[in-house]
């Protein structure tokens, strides 16, 4: 082997699979959260946080004063004992920014939930209100399944390497028949 020839050949498919997995985990496993703190009755300061990598890396924070609350509800099912369940989505508005919660089910009506949020703004109840998107359990499951699939692909194509091996050089006999 001459010094110009590479002794180490990189498994390019495996490297591509690792890069794809790291990009997926970095950009799709984050979540968005909102924390609202009541400073004084009638004044609520909210901070929205976007994150990457299961919430470990903060992408951005935005603060705004909460001005209005909107609750959208939809009847989902009736329970056998005569009750009903609604699917609610809460949207918090303020200064050109908004935050929508993930849909959640509750037997409370839209008016009851809106009333509870308005009482929070007016100074009743807890001082802090938290919302969070995307449960991280599902992100862990998706990431694990993707790691298994990409591991199978990398193992299947492990022999594809870069730089490729040069073709073997065969010595042809000279015109005299000597090698």
C-alpha atoms as a PDB file:
ATOM      1  CA  UNK A   1       0.000   0.000   0.000  1.00  0.00           C
ATOM      2  CA  UNK A   2       1.518   3.317  -1.018  1.00  0.00           C
ATOM      3  CA  UNK A   3       1.529   6.312   1.376  1.00  0.00           C
ATOM      4  CA  UNK A   4      -0.971   8.172  -0.827  1.00  0.00           C
ATOM      5  CA  UNK A   5      -3.588   5.457  -0.336  1.00  0.00           C
ATOM      6  CA  UNK A   6      -5.978   5.892   2.560  1.00  0.00           C
ATOM      7  CA  UNK A   7      -5.859   3.189   5.201  1.00  0.00           C
ATOM      8  CA  UNK A   8      -9.186   4.167   6.801  1.00  0.00           C
ATOM      9  CA  UNK A   9     -12.432   4.124   4.865  1.00  0.00           C
ATOM     10  CA  UNK A  10     -15.475   5.867   6.346  1.00  0.00           C
ATOM     11  CA  UNK A  11     -18.845   4.049   6.385  1.00  0.00           C
ATOM     12  CA  UNK A  12     -20.787   6.864   4.672  1.00  0.00           C
ATOM     13  CA  UNK A  13     -24.282   5.390   5.131  1.00  0.00           C
ATOM     14  CA  UNK A  14     -23.689   4.965   8.874  1.00  0.00           C
ATOM     15  CA  UNK A  15     -22.423   8.548   9.141  1.00  0.00           C
ATOM     16  CA  UNK A  16     -25.459   9.806   7.204  1.00  0.00           C
ATOM     17  CA  UNK A  17     -27.777   7.830   9.538  1.00  0.00           C
ATOM     18  CA  UNK A  18     -26.112   9.320  12.626  1.00  0.00           C
ATOM     19  CA  UNK A  19     -26.384  12.840  11.176  1.00  0.00           C
ATOM     20  CA  UNK A  20     -30.051  12.285  10.304  1.00  0.00           C
ATOM     21  CA  UNK A  21     -30.795  10.964  13.801  1.00  0.00           C
ATOM     22  CA  UNK A  22     -29.014  13.858  15.535  1.00  0.00           C
ATOM     23  CA  UNK A  23     -30.860  16.398  13.351  1.00  0.00           C
ATOM     24  CA  UNK A  24     -34.180  14.713  14.114  1.00  0.00           C
ATOM     25  CA  UNK A  25     -33.563  14.653  17.863  1.00  0.00           C
ATOM     26  CA  UNK A  26     -32.335  18.235  17.906  1.00  0.00           C
ATOM     27  CA  UNK A  27     -35.156  19.814  15.916  1.00  0.00           C
ATOM     28  CA  UNK A  28     -38.244  17.711  16.666  1.00  0.00           C
ATOM     29  CA  UNK A  29     -38.032  16.779  20.335  1.00  0.00           C
ATOM     30  CA  UNK A  30     -38.332  20.234  21.781  1.00  0.00           C
ATOM     31  CA  UNK A  31     -41.455  21.725  23.189  1.00  0.00           C
ATOM     32  CA  UNK A  32     -43.148  25.024  23.803  1.00  0.00           C
ATOM     33  CA  UNK A  33     -44.141  26.103  27.276  1.00  0.00           C
ATOM     34  CA  UNK A  34     -45.834  29.119  28.785  1.00  0.00           C
ATOM     35  CA  UNK A  35     -45.576  30.397  32.337  1.00  0.00           C
ATOM     36  CA  UNK A  36     -47.900  33.184  33.450  1.00  0.00           C
ATOM     37  CA  UNK A  37     -47.304  34.971  36.734  1.00  0.00           C
ATOM     38  CA  UNK A  38     -49.771  37.344  38.296  1.00  0.00           C
ATOM     39  CA  UNK A  39     -47.832  40.388  39.498  1.00  0.00           C
ATOM     40  CA  UNK A  40     -50.807  42.281  40.865  1.00  0.00           C
ATOM     41  CA  UNK A  41     -54.543  41.637  40.427  1.00  0.00           C
ATOM     42  CA  UNK A  42     -55.417  42.440  36.821  1.00  0.00           C
ATOM     43  CA  UNK A  43     -51.791  42.310  35.581  1.00  0.00           C
ATOM     44  CA  UNK A  44     -50.400  38.981  34.360  1.00  0.00           C
ATOM     45  CA  UNK A  45     -46.934  38.636  32.790  1.00  0.00           C
ATOM     46  CA  UNK A  46     -46.463  35.594  30.538  1.00  0.00           C
ATOM     47  CA  UNK A  47     -43.226  34.126  29.190  1.00  0.00           C
ATOM     48  CA  UNK A  48     -43.242  31.745  26.258  1.00  0.00           C
ATOM     49  CA  UNK A  49     -40.227  29.427  25.880  1.00  0.00           C
ATOM     50  CA  UNK A  50     -39.332  27.374  22.810  1.00  0.00           C
ATOM     51  CA  UNK A  51     -36.743  24.653  23.249  1.00  0.00           C
ATOM     52  CA  UNK A  52     -34.776  21.970  21.421  1.00  0.00           C
ATOM     53  CA  UNK A  53     -33.430  18.600  22.491  1.00  0.00           C
ATOM     54  CA  UNK A  54     -36.094  17.479  24.989  1.00  0.00           C
ATOM     55  CA  UNK A  55     -36.174  20.941  26.523  1.00  0.00           C
ATOM     56  CA  UNK A  56     -32.463  21.024  27.365  1.00  0.00           C
ATOM     57  CA  UNK A  57     -31.537  23.788  24.894  1.00  0.00           C
ATOM     58  CA  UNK A  58     -33.604  26.977  24.932  1.00  0.00           C
ATOM     59  CA  UNK A  59     -34.267  28.361  21.455  1.00  0.00           C
ATOM     60  CA  UNK A  60     -36.052  31.542  22.403  1.00  0.00           C
ATOM     61  CA  UNK A  61     -38.052  33.342  25.052  1.00  0.00           C
ATOM     62  CA  UNK A  62     -40.779  35.901  24.531  1.00  0.00           C
ATOM     63  CA  UNK A  63     -42.536  37.854  27.258  1.00  0.00           C
ATOM     64  CA  UNK A  64     -45.899  39.562  26.962  1.00  0.00           C
ATOM     65  CA  UNK A  65     -48.669  40.956  29.119  1.00  0.00           C
ATOM     66  CA  UNK A  66     -51.792  38.796  29.084  1.00  0.00           C
ATOM     67  CA  UNK A  67     -54.767  40.731  27.730  1.00  0.00           C
ATOM     68  CA  UNK A  68     -57.451  38.200  26.832  1.00  0.00           C
ATOM     69  CA  UNK A  69     -58.324  34.524  27.074  1.00  0.00           C
ATOM     70  CA  UNK A  70     -60.260  32.498  24.509  1.00  0.00           C
ATOM     71  CA  UNK A  71     -61.552  28.974  25.086  1.00  0.00           C
ATOM     72  CA  UNK A  72     -62.686  26.790  22.181  1.00  0.00           C
ATOM     73  CA  UNK A  73     -64.711  23.735  23.110  1.00  0.00           C
ATOM     74  CA  UNK A  74     -66.164  20.765  21.313  1.00  0.00           C
ATOM     75  CA  UNK A  75     -68.422  18.031  22.692  1.00  0.00           C
ATOM     76  CA  UNK A  76     -66.474  14.767  22.519  1.00  0.00           C
ATOM     77  CA  UNK A  77     -68.409  12.013  24.228  1.00  0.00           C
ATOM     78  CA  UNK A  78     -71.099  11.201  26.694  1.00  0.00           C
ATOM     79  CA  UNK A  79     -70.282   8.961  29.619  1.00  0.00           C
ATOM     80  CA  UNK A  80     -72.651   6.080  30.450  1.00  0.00           C
ATOM     81  CA  UNK A  81     -73.548   7.639  33.797  1.00  0.00           C
ATOM     82  CA  UNK A  82     -75.086  10.682  32.144  1.00  0.00           C
ATOM     83  CA  UNK A  83     -72.086  13.050  32.016  1.00  0.00           C
ATOM     84  CA  UNK A  84     -70.440  14.686  29.052  1.00  0.00           C
ATOM     85  CA  UNK A  85     -66.843  15.459  28.150  1.00  0.00           C
ATOM     86  CA  UNK A  86     -65.620  18.424  26.177  1.00  0.00           C
ATOM     87  CA  UNK A  87     -62.353  18.904  24.329  1.00  0.00           C
ATOM     88  CA  UNK A  88     -60.975  22.362  25.133  1.00  0.00           C
ATOM     89  CA  UNK A  89     -58.213  24.446  23.601  1.00  0.00           C
ATOM     90  CA  UNK A  90     -57.158  27.570  25.474  1.00  0.00           C
ATOM     91  CA  UNK A  91     -55.648  30.544  23.634  1.00  0.00           C
ATOM     92  CA  UNK A  92     -53.990  33.317  25.623  1.00  0.00           C
ATOM     93  CA  UNK A  93     -53.599  36.686  23.848  1.00  0.00           C
ATOM     94  CA  UNK A  94     -51.388  39.659  24.519  1.00  0.00           C
ATOM     95  CA  UNK A  95     -49.564  42.432  22.614  1.00  0.00           C
ATOM     96  CA  UNK A  96     -49.432  40.755  19.198  1.00  0.00           C
ATOM     97  CA  UNK A  97     -48.521  37.355  20.652  1.00  0.00           C
ATOM     98  CA  UNK A  98     -50.623  34.339  21.438  1.00  0.00           C
ATOM     99  CA  UNK A  99     -50.219  30.866  22.876  1.00  0.00           C
ATOM    100  CA  UNK A 100     -52.569  27.933  22.263  1.00  0.00           C
ATOM    101  CA  UNK A 101     -52.621  24.953  24.571  1.00  0.00           C
ATOM    102  CA  UNK A 102     -52.846  21.361  23.452  1.00  0.00           C
ATOM    103  CA  UNK A 103     -56.446  20.091  23.398  1.00  0.00           C
ATOM    104  CA  UNK A 104     -57.498  18.509  26.678  1.00  0.00           C
ATOM    105  CA  UNK A 105     -60.666  16.774  27.829  1.00  0.00           C
ATOM    106  CA  UNK A 106     -62.727  17.914  30.770  1.00  0.00           C
ATOM    107  CA  UNK A 107     -66.313  17.652  31.988  1.00  0.00           C
ATOM    108  CA  UNK A 108     -66.264  21.423  32.634  1.00  0.00           C
ATOM    109  CA  UNK A 109     -67.966  23.681  30.128  1.00  0.00           C
ATOM    110  CA  UNK A 110     -66.236  26.399  28.116  1.00  0.00           C
ATOM    111  CA  UNK A 111     -67.837  29.103  30.287  1.00  0.00           C
ATOM    112  CA  UNK A 112     -66.572  27.459  33.504  1.00  0.00           C
ATOM    113  CA  UNK A 113     -62.983  27.242  32.236  1.00  0.00           C
ATOM    114  CA  UNK A 114     -63.062  30.820  30.943  1.00  0.00           C
ATOM    115  CA  UNK A 115     -64.420  31.968  34.304  1.00  0.00           C
ATOM    116  CA  UNK A 116     -61.573  30.204  36.142  1.00  0.00           C
ATOM    117  CA  UNK A 117     -58.975  31.855  33.892  1.00  0.00           C
ATOM    118  CA  UNK A 118     -60.586  35.270  34.336  1.00  0.00           C
ATOM    119  CA  UNK A 119     -60.557  34.812  38.129  1.00  0.00           C
ATOM    120  CA  UNK A 120     -56.823  34.000  37.890  1.00  0.00           C
ATOM    121  CA  UNK A 121     -56.247  37.265  36.028  1.00  0.00           C
ATOM    122  CA  UNK A 122     -58.329  39.191  38.564  1.00  0.00           C
ATOM    123  CA  UNK A 123     -56.251  37.922  41.486  1.00  0.00           C
ATOM    124  CA  UNK A 124     -57.948  34.779  42.772  1.00  0.00           C
ATOM    125  CA  UNK A 125     -56.261  31.412  43.033  1.00  0.00           C
ATOM    126  CA  UNK A 126     -52.626  30.517  42.414  1.00  0.00           C
ATOM    127  CA  UNK A 127     -49.963  33.069  41.460  1.00  0.00           C
ATOM    128  CA  UNK A 128     -48.493  31.019  38.592  1.00  0.00           C
ATOM    129  CA  UNK A 129     -50.160  29.252  35.661  1.00  0.00           C
ATOM    130  CA  UNK A 130     -48.179  26.804  33.456  1.00  0.00           C
ATOM    131  CA  UNK A 131     -48.895  25.312  30.026  1.00  0.00           C
ATOM    132  CA  UNK A 132     -46.674  22.915  28.114  1.00  0.00           C
ATOM    133  CA  UNK A 133     -46.913  21.419  24.617  1.00  0.00           C
ATOM    134  CA  UNK A 134     -45.872  17.945  23.536  1.00  0.00           C
ATOM    135  CA  UNK A 135     -45.426  15.297  26.211  1.00  0.00           C
ATOM    136  CA  UNK A 136     -41.817  14.172  26.126  1.00  0.00           C
ATOM    137  CA  UNK A 137     -42.692  10.474  26.546  1.00  0.00           C
ATOM    138  CA  UNK A 138     -43.881  10.293  22.934  1.00  0.00           C
ATOM    139  CA  UNK A 139     -40.749  12.111  21.723  1.00  0.00           C
ATOM    140  CA  UNK A 140     -38.601   9.518  23.515  1.00  0.00           C
ATOM    141  CA  UNK A 141     -40.544   6.667  21.945  1.00  0.00           C
ATOM    142  CA  UNK A 142     -40.316   8.175  18.436  1.00  0.00           C
ATOM    143  CA  UNK A 143     -36.587   8.838  18.868  1.00  0.00           C
ATOM    144  CA  UNK A 144     -35.966   5.284  20.080  1.00  0.00           C
ATOM    145  CA  UNK A 145     -37.840   3.772  17.138  1.00  0.00           C
ATOM    146  CA  UNK A 146     -35.955   5.992  14.691  1.00  0.00           C
ATOM    147  CA  UNK A 147     -32.633   4.985  16.289  1.00  0.00           C
ATOM    148  CA  UNK A 148     -33.490   1.294  15.841  1.00  0.00           C
ATOM    149  CA  UNK A 149     -34.523   1.758  12.201  1.00  0.00           C
ATOM    150  CA  UNK A 150     -31.477   3.858  11.321  1.00  0.00           C
ATOM    151  CA  UNK A 151     -29.238   1.357  13.131  1.00  0.00           C
ATOM    152  CA  UNK A 152     -30.619  -1.419  10.919  1.00  0.00           C
ATOM    153  CA  UNK A 153     -30.013   0.674   7.786  1.00  0.00           C
ATOM    154  CA  UNK A 154     -26.463   1.567   8.871  1.00  0.00           C
ATOM    155  CA  UNK A 155     -25.680  -2.079   9.636  1.00  0.00           C
ATOM    156  CA  UNK A 156     -27.137  -3.212   6.291  1.00  0.00           C
ATOM    157  CA  UNK A 157     -25.002  -0.813   4.270  1.00  0.00           C
ATOM    158  CA  UNK A 158     -21.876  -0.933   6.457  1.00  0.00           C
ATOM    159  CA  UNK A 159     -19.691  -2.067   3.525  1.00  0.00           C
ATOM    160  CA  UNK A 160     -20.301   1.102   1.518  1.00  0.00           C
ATOM    161  CA  UNK A 161     -17.185   3.099   2.346  1.00  0.00           C
ATOM    162  CA  UNK A 162     -15.469   6.301   1.296  1.00  0.00           C
ATOM    163  CA  UNK A 163     -13.021   6.759  -0.269  1.00  0.00           C
ATOM    164  CA  UNK A 164     -13.581   3.664  -2.354  1.00  0.00           C
ATOM    165  CA  UNK A 165     -10.805   1.141  -2.672  1.00  0.00           C
ATOM    166  CA  UNK A 166      -8.786   1.656  -5.829  1.00  0.00           C
ATOM    167  CA  UNK A 167      -9.148  -1.088  -8.410  1.00  0.00           C
ATOM    168  CA  UNK A 168      -6.465  -3.725  -8.139  1.00  0.00           C
ATOM    169  CA  UNK A 169      -3.517  -3.136 -10.432  1.00  0.00           C
ATOM    170  CA  UNK A 170      -2.513  -6.236 -12.295  1.00  0.00           C
ATOM    171  CA  UNK A 171       0.907  -6.414 -13.737  1.00  0.00           C
ATOM    172  CA  UNK A 172       0.803  -7.237 -17.408  1.00  0.00           C
ATOM    173  CA  UNK A 173       3.743  -8.868 -19.037  1.00  0.00           C
ATOM    174  CA  UNK A 174       6.041  -6.606 -21.008  1.00  0.00           C
ATOM    175  CA  UNK A 175       6.633  -7.105 -24.692  1.00  0.00           C
ATOM    176  CA  UNK A 176       9.549  -9.339 -23.756  1.00  0.00           C
ATOM    177  CA  UNK A 177       7.261 -11.546 -21.673  1.00  0.00           C
ATOM    178  CA  UNK A 178       8.971 -10.566 -18.445  1.00  0.00           C
ATOM    179  CA  UNK A 179       7.208  -9.149 -15.474  1.00  0.00           C
END
